[in-house]
C-alpha atoms as a PDB file:
ATOM      1  CA  MET A   1     -43.537-247.824  65.705  1.00  0.00           C
ATOM      2  CA  MET A   2     -41.091-249.818  67.113  1.00  0.00           C
ATOM      3  CA  ARG A   3     -39.746-247.027  69.066  1.00  0.00           C
ATOM      4  CA  ASN A   4     -42.494-246.140  71.128  1.00  0.00           C
ATOM      5  CA  ASN A   5     -43.213-250.178  71.404  1.00  0.00           C
ATOM      6  CA  LEU A   6     -46.339-249.593  69.488  1.00  0.00           C
ATOM      7  CA  PRO A   7     -48.477-253.123  68.751  1.00  0.00           C
ATOM      8  CA  ALA A   8     -47.850-254.073  64.587  1.00  0.00           C
ATOM      9  CA  ASP A   9     -51.741-253.709  64.286  1.00  0.00           C
ATOM     10  CA  TYR A  10     -51.264-250.018  66.391  1.00  0.00           C
ATOM     11  CA  LYS A  11     -52.219-248.028  62.733  1.00  0.00           C
ATOM     12  CA  ALA A  12     -55.357-250.263  61.816  1.00  0.00           C
ATOM     13  CA  LYS A  13     -56.703-249.721  64.970  1.00  0.00           C
ATOM     14  CA  GLN A  14     -56.026-246.077  65.411  1.00  0.00           C
ATOM     15  CA  LYS A  15     -57.724-245.737  61.939  1.00  0.00           C
ATOM     16  CA  ALA A  16     -60.731-247.688  63.128  1.00  0.00           C
ATOM     17  CA  ILE A  17     -61.051-245.415  66.057  1.00  0.00           C
ATOM     18  CA  ILE A  18     -60.629-242.661  63.899  1.00  0.00           C
ATOM     19  CA  ASP A  19     -63.589-243.974  61.606  1.00  0.00           C
ATOM     20  CA  THR A  20     -66.103-244.519  64.077  1.00  0.00           C
ATOM     21  CA  VAL A  21     -65.433-241.159  66.320  1.00  0.00           C
ATOM     22  CA  SER A  22     -68.482-238.670  65.569  1.00  0.00           C
ATOM     23  CA  LYS A  23     -68.259-234.530  65.114  1.00  0.00           C
ATOM     24  CA  GLU A  24     -70.463-234.195  67.592  1.00  0.00           C
ATOM     25  CA  THR A  25     -67.880-236.626  70.153  1.00  0.00           C
ATOM     26  CA  LEU A  26     -65.133-234.545  68.954  1.00  0.00           C
ATOM     27  CA  ASN A  27     -66.381-230.970  69.328  1.00  0.00           C
ATOM     28  CA  GLU A  28     -67.512-232.183  73.356  1.00  0.00           C
ATOM     29  CA  LEU A  29     -63.822-233.164  73.545  1.00  0.00           C
ATOM     30  CA  ALA A  30     -62.842-229.932  72.423  1.00  0.00           C
ATOM     31  CA  LYS A  31     -65.006-228.213  74.967  1.00  0.00           C
ATOM     32  CA  ILE A  32     -62.936-229.650  77.638  1.00  0.00           C
ATOM     33  CA  TRP A  33     -59.513-229.816  76.373  1.00  0.00           C
ATOM     34  CA  PHE A  34     -59.232-227.127  73.997  1.00  0.00           C
ATOM     35  CA  GLU A  35     -58.389-223.287  75.241  1.00  0.00           C
ATOM     36  CA  PRO A  36     -58.580-221.079  71.751  1.00  0.00           C
ATOM     37  CA  GLU A  37     -56.327-218.816  74.029  1.00  0.00           C
ATOM     38  CA  ASP A  38     -53.408-220.574  73.950  1.00  0.00           C
ATOM     39  CA  TYR A  39     -52.859-221.065  70.164  1.00  0.00           C
ATOM     40  CA  GLN A  40     -51.440-219.147  67.333  1.00  0.00           C
ATOM     41  CA  VAL A  41     -52.442-219.130  63.992  1.00  0.00           C
ATOM     42  CA  ILE A  42     -49.868-218.325  61.069  1.00  0.00           C
ATOM     43  CA  ILE A  43     -51.419-217.942  57.874  1.00  0.00           C
ATOM     44  CA  VAL A  44     -48.846-216.930  55.231  1.00  0.00           C
ATOM     45  CA  GLY A  45     -50.350-215.826  51.709  1.00  0.00           C
ATOM     46  CA  ASP A  46     -51.789-212.493  50.092  1.00  0.00           C
ATOM     47  CA  ALA A  47     -52.912-210.683  52.805  1.00  0.00           C
ATOM     48  CA  LYS A  48     -55.438-208.465  50.429  1.00  0.00           C
ATOM     49  CA  ALA A  49     -56.897-211.574  49.122  1.00  0.00           C
ATOM     50  CA  LEU A  50     -57.258-213.002  52.708  1.00  0.00           C
ATOM     51  CA  ALA A  51     -58.366-210.116  54.484  1.00  0.00           C
ATOM     52  CA  PRO A  52     -61.920-210.338  54.033  1.00  0.00           C
ATOM     53  CA  SER A  53     -62.150-213.887  54.389  1.00  0.00           C
ATOM     54  CA  LEU A  54     -60.279-213.451  58.162  1.00  0.00           C
ATOM     55  CA  SER A  55     -61.739-210.679  59.303  1.00  0.00           C
ATOM     56  CA  THR A  56     -64.950-212.785  59.325  1.00  0.00           C
ATOM     57  CA  LEU A  57     -63.461-214.764  62.222  1.00  0.00           C
ATOM     58  CA  GLY A  58     -63.542-212.287  65.098  1.00  0.00           C
ATOM     59  CA  LEU A  59     -60.084-212.699  65.252  1.00  0.00           C
ATOM     60  CA  PRO A  60     -57.012-210.333  66.198  1.00  0.00           C
ATOM     61  CA  VAL A  61     -54.842-209.835  63.215  1.00  0.00           C
ATOM     62  CA  LYS A  62     -51.465-209.103  63.384  1.00  0.00           C
ATOM     63  CA  ARG A  63     -49.773-208.107  59.803  1.00  0.00           C
ATOM     64  CA  LEU A  64     -45.873-209.125  59.581  1.00  0.00           C
ATOM     65  CA  THR A  65     -43.624-208.481  56.602  1.00  0.00           C
ATOM     66  CA  ILE A  66     -40.552-210.439  55.869  1.00  0.00           C
ATOM     67  CA  GLU A  67     -37.766-208.216  54.982  1.00  0.00           C
ATOM     68  CA  ASN A  68     -35.203-209.125  52.711  1.00  0.00           C
END
C-alpha cells in the first residue's frame, strides 16, 4: 500500500465496495469492458475427466502435452 501511496484504510474501503456491488452490476460492466476473444483459459488436469465439462462451454479446446 505504501508503494502505491494508498491510504491506511484502503483495504477496508475496498472490501466495503466489493461487498456492496451486485452481480447485475458486474455483468453490465463485463458487457462493456470484457472481450472474451482477448483471453486464453489454461486448464491443467486429467484431459479425459475434464473433456465432458469443457465440451459444454462451446469454446475451442486445444490439448497440449508436456514432453519430458
